[in-house]
Protein backbone atom coordinates (compact mmCIF):
# COMPACT_ATOMS: atom_id res chain seq x y z
CA MET A 1 -31.60 -9.19 25.62
CA SER A 2 -28.01 -10.51 25.41
CA PHE A 3 -25.61 -7.87 24.13
CA THR A 4 -22.22 -6.90 25.57
CA LEU A 5 -20.60 -3.74 24.22
CA HIS A 6 -16.80 -3.81 24.08
CA LEU A 7 -15.72 -0.22 24.62
CA ASN A 8 -12.23 1.23 25.10
CA HIS A 9 -12.53 4.75 26.48
CA ASP A 10 -8.79 5.37 25.97
CA ALA A 11 -8.77 4.42 22.28
CA LYS A 12 -8.52 7.04 19.53
CA THR A 13 -11.28 5.28 17.59
CA PRO A 14 -14.54 7.25 18.03
CA LYS A 15 -16.98 5.55 20.41
CA TYR A 16 -19.71 5.29 17.78
CA LYS A 17 -17.26 3.37 15.59
CA GLN A 18 -16.52 1.06 18.50
CA ILE A 19 -20.25 0.38 18.87
CA VAL A 20 -20.48 -0.43 15.15
CA LYS A 21 -17.52 -2.81 15.37
CA SER A 22 -18.85 -4.47 18.52
CA VAL A 23 -22.19 -5.23 16.85
CA ILE A 24 -20.54 -6.53 13.67
CA ASP A 25 -18.17 -8.71 15.73
CA GLY A 26 -21.18 -10.09 17.63
CA VAL A 27 -22.90 -11.01 14.39
CA GLU A 28 -19.76 -12.67 13.05
CA ARG A 29 -19.13 -14.65 16.23
CA GLY A 30 -22.75 -15.76 16.24
CA SER A 31 -23.57 -14.21 19.63
CA LEU A 32 -26.02 -11.88 17.87
CA LYS A 33 -28.62 -13.73 15.79
CA ARG A 34 -30.92 -12.67 12.98
CA HIS A 35 -34.05 -10.89 14.32
CA GLN A 36 -32.46 -10.47 17.77
CA GLN A 37 -33.39 -7.16 19.38
CA LEU A 38 -30.67 -4.70 20.42
CA PRO A 39 -30.88 -2.38 23.44
CA SER A 40 -32.68 0.86 22.74
CA ILE A 41 -30.69 4.06 22.27
CA ASN A 42 -31.60 5.18 25.79
CA GLU A 43 -30.76 1.80 27.33
CA LEU A 44 -27.31 1.60 25.70
CA SER A 45 -26.42 5.21 26.50
CA GLU A 46 -27.41 4.80 30.16
CA GLU A 47 -25.70 1.45 30.70
CA TYR A 48 -22.38 2.49 29.17
CA TYR A 49 -22.46 6.22 30.07
CA LEU A 50 -22.56 7.30 26.43
CA ALA A 51 -24.12 10.36 24.86
CA ARG A 52 -27.43 9.52 23.25
CA ASP A 53 -26.22 11.10 19.98
CA THR A 54 -23.24 8.69 19.96
CA VAL A 55 -25.47 5.61 20.12
CA GLU A 56 -27.90 7.05 17.58
CA LYS A 57 -25.05 7.75 15.14
CA ALA A 58 -23.77 4.16 15.53
CA TYR A 59 -27.21 2.66 14.92
CA LYS A 60 -27.70 4.84 11.84
CA GLU A 61 -24.39 3.60 10.43
CA LEU A 62 -25.23 -0.05 11.19
CA LYS A 63 -28.57 0.43 9.47
CA ALA A 64 -26.88 1.99 6.41
CA LEU A 65 -24.52 -1.02 6.29
CA GLY A 66 -27.50 -3.39 6.29
CA ILE A 67 -26.49 -4.98 9.61
CA ILE A 68 -29.57 -3.87 11.55
CA ASP A 69 -33.07 -2.56 10.87
CA SER A 70 -35.60 -0.67 12.96
CA VAL A 71 -39.29 -1.25 13.60
CA ARG A 72 -41.30 1.78 14.68
CA GLY A 73 -42.36 1.47 18.29
CA LYS A 74 -40.36 -1.73 18.85
CA GLY A 75 -36.69 -0.86 18.40
CA TYR A 76 -33.65 -2.16 16.53
CA TYR A 77 -33.10 -5.73 15.32
CA ILE A 78 -30.25 -7.70 13.75
CA LEU A 79 -30.95 -7.99 10.03
CA ASN A 80 -28.14 -10.20 8.71
CA GLU A 81 -26.62 -13.46 9.82
CA LYS A 82 -22.89 -14.03 10.06
CA PRO A 83 -21.08 -12.87 6.87
CA LYS A 84 -19.47 -15.68 4.91
CA GLN A 85 -16.48 -13.61 3.74
CA ILE A 86 -13.63 -11.61 5.23
CA ARG A 87 -14.02 -7.90 4.50
CA VAL A 88 -10.74 -6.25 3.43
CA LEU A 89 -10.00 -2.58 2.78
CA LEU A 90 -7.08 -2.00 0.38
CA VAL A 91 -5.74 1.58 0.26
CA MET A 92 -3.16 2.43 -2.42
CA ASN A 93 -1.45 5.73 -3.18
CA LYS A 94 -2.04 5.56 -6.95
CA LEU A 95 -2.92 3.28 -9.84
CA SER A 96 -0.19 2.03 -12.17
CA ALA A 97 0.76 -1.12 -14.06
CA TYR A 98 2.69 -2.60 -11.15
CA LYS A 99 0.07 -1.58 -8.55
CA LYS A 100 -2.43 -3.40 -10.76
CA ALA A 101 -0.22 -6.51 -10.57
CA ILE A 102 -0.21 -6.29 -6.75
CA TYR A 103 -3.99 -5.84 -6.67
CA GLU A 104 -4.74 -8.73 -9.02
CA SER A 105 -2.42 -11.11 -7.16
CA PHE A 106 -3.88 -10.02 -3.81
CA VAL A 107 -7.48 -10.55 -4.93
CA ALA A 108 -6.71 -13.85 -6.68
CA THR A 109 -5.01 -15.27 -3.57
CA LEU A 110 -7.92 -14.27 -1.32
CA GLY A 111 -10.33 -15.83 -3.80
CA ASP A 112 -13.95 -16.16 -2.71
CA ARG A 113 -12.95 -16.14 0.96
CA ALA A 114 -12.90 -12.33 1.03
CA THR A 115 -14.35 -9.21 -0.51
CA VAL A 116 -11.94 -6.35 -1.23
CA THR A 117 -12.79 -2.65 -1.30
CA LEU A 118 -10.17 -0.48 -3.04
CA HIS A 119 -9.53 3.19 -2.25
CA ILE A 120 -6.83 5.54 -3.62
CA HIS A 121 -5.38 8.30 -1.39
CA HIS A 122 -3.25 9.96 -4.13
CA GLY A 123 -0.46 10.73 -1.65
CA SER A 124 -2.79 13.05 0.26
CA LEU A 125 -2.94 12.75 4.05
CA ARG A 126 -6.31 14.53 4.08
CA ILE A 127 -7.87 11.95 1.74
CA PHE A 128 -6.25 9.11 3.69
CA ARG A 129 -7.60 10.44 7.00
CA ASP A 130 -11.10 10.58 5.54
CA ILE A 131 -10.83 7.01 4.23
CA VAL A 132 -9.71 5.71 7.63
CA LYS A 133 -12.32 7.73 9.52
CA ASP A 134 -15.13 6.32 7.38
CA SER A 135 -13.80 2.75 7.38
CA VAL A 136 -12.62 1.83 10.88
CA GLY A 137 -14.88 -0.83 12.32
CA HIS A 138 -16.27 -1.94 8.96
CA TYR A 139 -13.51 -4.35 7.89
CA HIS A 140 -11.58 -7.30 9.26
CA SER A 141 -8.27 -6.22 7.68
CA TYR A 142 -6.85 -2.91 6.47
CA VAL A 143 -4.05 -3.08 3.87
CA VAL A 144 -2.38 0.30 3.40
CA MET A 145 0.30 1.55 1.00
CA PRO A 146 1.80 4.44 3.02
CA HIS A 147 3.43 6.56 0.30
CA PHE A 148 2.73 10.27 0.84
CA TYR A 149 4.08 13.58 -0.36
CA ASN A 150 7.43 14.59 1.10
CA ASP A 151 5.97 17.51 3.06
CA VAL A 152 3.65 15.25 5.09
CA ASN A 153 4.80 14.92 8.70
CA ILE A 154 5.50 11.28 9.60
CA SER A 155 3.82 11.71 12.99
CA SER A 156 0.57 12.66 11.23
CA ILE A 157 0.71 9.48 9.16
CA VAL A 158 1.41 7.38 12.26
CA ASP A 159 -1.43 9.01 14.22
CA THR A 160 -3.86 8.14 11.42
CA LEU A 161 -2.61 4.55 11.15
CA ARG A 162 -3.02 4.11 14.90
CA GLN A 163 -6.76 4.56 14.51
CA ILE A 164 -6.71 1.09 12.89
CA PRO A 165 -6.32 -1.81 15.35
CA ALA A 166 -2.70 -2.94 15.00
CA ASN A 167 -3.61 -6.62 14.60
CA GLU A 168 -5.85 -5.71 11.63
CA LEU A 169 -3.27 -3.53 9.82
CA VAL A 170 -0.98 -4.64 6.98
CA LEU A 171 1.44 -2.07 5.55
CA LEU A 172 2.21 -2.70 1.90
CA ASP A 173 5.36 -1.79 -0.06
CA LYS A 174 6.91 0.36 2.69
CA GLU A 175 7.56 -0.08 6.41
CA ILE A 176 7.20 2.82 8.89
CA PRO A 177 9.66 2.33 11.80
CA GLU A 178 7.87 5.00 13.85
CA LEU A 179 4.77 2.78 14.00
CA THR A 180 5.82 0.61 16.94
CA GLU A 181 2.60 -1.34 17.45
CA ALA A 182 2.64 -5.01 16.39
CA HIS A 183 1.25 -4.69 12.86
CA SER A 184 2.06 -6.67 9.72
CA SER A 185 3.96 -5.46 6.67
CA ILE A 186 5.16 -6.65 3.27
CA TYR A 187 7.83 -4.10 2.48
CA GLN A 188 10.68 -2.98 0.28
CA ASP A 189 13.89 -1.58 1.77
CA PHE A 190 14.34 0.98 -0.99
CA THR A 191 17.83 2.20 0.01
CA ASN A 192 19.47 -1.19 0.49
CA ASP A 193 17.42 -2.95 -2.21
CA LEU A 194 18.58 -0.53 -4.91
CA TYR A 195 22.16 -0.66 -3.66
CA GLY A 196 22.09 -4.46 -3.82
CA ALA A 197 20.53 -4.55 -7.29
CA LEU A 198 23.19 -2.20 -8.70
CA GLU A 199 25.93 -4.16 -6.95
CA SER A 200 24.70 -7.38 -8.59
CA GLY A 201 25.07 -5.70 -11.99
CA GLN A 202 28.55 -4.29 -11.48
CA ASP A 203 30.01 -6.44 -14.24
CA LEU A 204 27.59 -4.76 -16.69
CA LEU A 205 28.01 -1.25 -15.28
CA ASP A 206 31.83 -1.26 -15.38
CA LYS A 207 31.91 -0.40 -19.09
CA TYR A 208 30.12 2.94 -18.57
CA GLU A 209 31.87 6.14 -17.56
CA GLU A 210 28.94 7.61 -15.67
CA LEU A 211 25.73 6.45 -13.96
CA VAL A 212 22.65 8.67 -14.14
CA LEU A 213 19.47 8.33 -12.08
CA VAL A 214 16.43 9.96 -13.68
CA PHE A 215 14.33 10.86 -10.63
CA PRO A 216 11.34 13.04 -11.59
CA LYS A 217 10.39 15.97 -9.42
CA ASP A 218 6.70 16.10 -10.28
CA VAL A 219 5.99 12.39 -9.55
CA LYS A 220 6.30 11.21 -5.95
CA TYR A 221 8.74 8.34 -5.47
CA PRO A 222 10.43 7.25 -2.21
CA PRO A 223 13.48 9.49 -1.62
CA GLU A 224 15.31 6.40 -0.31
CA ILE A 225 15.86 5.46 -3.98
CA VAL A 226 18.17 8.45 -4.41
CA ARG A 227 19.99 7.54 -1.19
CA GLY A 228 20.59 3.97 -2.38
CA PHE A 229 21.90 5.22 -5.74
CA ARG A 230 24.28 7.71 -4.12
CA ASN A 231 25.50 5.14 -1.60
CA PHE A 232 26.36 2.74 -4.42
CA CYS A 233 28.21 5.38 -6.44
CA ALA A 234 30.17 6.55 -3.39
CA HIS A 235 31.12 3.07 -2.22
CA PHE A 236 32.27 1.84 -5.64
CA HIS A 237 33.79 5.17 -6.73
CA LYS A 238 31.43 5.59 -9.68
CA ASN A 239 30.73 8.92 -11.34
CA GLY A 240 27.04 9.43 -10.63
CA ARG A 241 24.46 12.19 -10.88
CA THR A 242 20.71 12.64 -10.56
CA ILE A 243 18.52 14.47 -13.07
CA GLU A 244 14.78 15.17 -13.20
CA SER A 245 14.08 14.32 -16.84
CA ALA A 246 15.70 12.44 -19.70
CA SER A 247 14.72 15.28 -22.04
CA SER A 248 17.63 17.33 -20.65
CA GLU A 249 20.22 14.82 -21.89
CA THR A 250 22.00 15.49 -25.18
CA GLU A 251 24.91 13.03 -25.43
CA LEU A 252 24.11 9.52 -24.14
CA LYS A 253 27.24 7.61 -25.16
CA GLY A 254 29.23 6.12 -22.30
CA ARG A 255 26.48 6.54 -19.73
CA ALA A 256 24.14 4.11 -18.00
CA TYR A 257 20.71 5.42 -17.00
CA ALA A 258 18.29 4.22 -14.33
CA VAL A 259 14.78 5.54 -14.99
CA LEU A 260 11.55 5.37 -12.97
CA GLU A 261 9.04 6.79 -15.45
CA ASP A 262 8.12 5.05 -18.72
CA SER A 263 8.12 8.43 -20.49
CA ASP A 264 11.83 8.85 -19.65
CA LEU A 265 12.52 5.30 -20.79
CA ALA A 266 10.89 6.01 -24.15
CA GLU A 267 12.85 9.27 -24.45
CA LEU A 268 16.18 7.52 -23.89
CA VAL A 269 15.42 4.69 -26.34
CA LYS A 270 14.41 7.25 -28.96
CA LYS A 271 17.54 9.40 -28.42
CA ALA A 272 19.83 6.38 -28.55
CA LYS A 273 18.34 5.45 -31.90
CA GLN A 274 18.72 9.03 -33.20
CA GLN A 275 22.37 9.09 -32.11
CA GLY A 276 23.09 5.70 -33.67
CA LEU A 277 23.92 4.13 -30.32
CA GLU A 278 23.44 0.48 -29.40
CA LEU A 279 21.70 -0.25 -26.13
CA GLY A 280 23.81 -2.44 -23.86
CA LYS A 281 27.02 -1.43 -25.61
CA ASP A 282 27.24 2.32 -26.20
CA VAL A 283 24.62 3.35 -23.67
CA GLY A 284 22.98 1.47 -20.82
CA VAL A 285 19.36 1.66 -19.72
CA MET A 286 17.72 0.22 -16.59
CA ALA A 287 14.03 0.75 -15.81
CA PHE A 288 12.18 0.35 -12.51
CA ASN A 289 9.24 -2.03 -12.05
CA ASP A 290 8.90 -4.77 -14.64
CA THR A 291 6.04 -4.93 -17.15
CA PRO A 292 5.44 -7.22 -20.18
CA LEU A 293 6.28 -4.29 -22.49
CA LYS A 294 9.77 -3.88 -20.97
CA GLU A 295 10.46 -7.52 -21.65
CA VAL A 296 10.11 -7.00 -25.41
CA LEU A 297 10.91 -3.29 -25.94
CA ALA A 298 14.22 -2.77 -27.79
CA ASP A 299 15.07 -6.47 -27.47
CA GLY A 300 14.55 -6.34 -23.70
CA ILE A 301 14.97 -3.62 -21.07
CA THR A 302 17.00 -4.45 -17.97
CA VAL A 303 14.79 -3.91 -14.95
CA ILE A 304 15.28 -3.09 -11.27
CA SER A 305 12.18 -4.43 -9.62
CA THR A 306 10.51 -6.03 -6.65
CA ASP A 307 8.21 -9.00 -7.20
CA HIS A 308 4.82 -7.28 -7.23
CA GLU A 309 2.81 -10.46 -7.60
CA GLN A 310 4.61 -11.97 -4.60
CA MET A 311 3.82 -8.84 -2.58
CA GLY A 312 0.11 -9.26 -3.24
CA ARG A 313 0.23 -12.99 -2.46
CA SER A 314 2.12 -12.50 0.80
CA ALA A 315 -0.32 -9.86 2.06
CA ALA A 316 -3.32 -12.07 1.24
CA GLU A 317 -1.73 -15.11 2.92
CA LEU A 318 -1.13 -13.16 6.14
CA ILE A 319 -4.81 -12.19 6.23
CA LEU A 320 -6.08 -15.69 5.47
CA GLU A 321 -3.79 -17.28 8.06
CA GLY A 322 -4.45 -14.61 10.69
CA ASN A 323 -0.72 -14.05 11.19
CA THR A 324 1.24 -10.95 12.18
CA ALA A 325 4.65 -10.64 10.49
CA GLN A 326 7.08 -8.29 8.77
CA ILE A 327 8.16 -9.75 5.43
CA LYS A 328 10.77 -8.23 3.14
CA ASN A 329 9.62 -8.66 -0.45
CA PRO A 330 12.05 -10.08 -3.06
CA PHE A 331 13.94 -7.43 -5.05
CA GLY A 332 16.63 -7.62 -7.71
CA LEU A 333 18.05 -6.87 -11.15
CA ILE A 334 16.49 -8.60 -14.16
CA ARG A 335 19.23 -8.74 -16.81
CA ARG A 336 18.30 -8.02 -20.40
CA GLY A 337 20.01 -6.57 -23.45
CA SER A 338 19.71 -2.86 -22.63
CA LEU A 339 22.54 -2.89 -20.06
């Protein structure tokens, strides 16, 4: 019976998960063949000094995954041959139009060479921990969007990410400097990216007396966006302020607004119309994250945006090529009539 269990007693990954991964890896490498018998629960626990319950839990999970089957009185056997596709877990913080663009580009680039399972953690560390706990050892690659609520301790996020083998992890949209292991990432540098985008539009912004960032309190966005906005205003001596909602604004004339939520964008366009103001002349409007609607709304809304399709493509290419890299995603200002 040829089966070697690769076990790391110092790893944070539970031992039963390591057994599951070792069996799956054996199937994929071809060292474990269809109908091949595995060691019994007692044999594996004795040889590797494991609790019997640990081995039993691993075999139950492998059986639930359809990797192995059991025959009463005979033991456990490999059920499936080597999978023909890479298994990828994609974990996002929320669904939105631009997250959909990332997802579709990611899946399209992988094509039929991979199957993708999507989970949403909703900015909750508890949900994310559960996803990772239930998934480690079941996938070849783990693509994670690490946006969490502001009150989540960064060390807790890092501890959870470290349960995923570093060479199988791809961070998406945001880098975490505290995660020092050699993982991959396709990231935005929110502070410097926003600063650079505003700087590239200085010739358009000069005609406005004040810049206003509409940064909602009840929707979680990276706080680095506020930092980039304030850095730009301070460096170029611009009058700038941050508000939580466009509904609080009464007089728009002479101001340029940067908005993250589509509801605030709609509110500003409506108020400009009510006040008889021309977008791009009397009042400026910039939105975050491009969509087809922003291209045509009010003769075109100027957009501050990363290239979401490129982000999805880059992540998929890293997985297909088996590379480890940190790649800064393209970011810039798309000029249209509203500024």
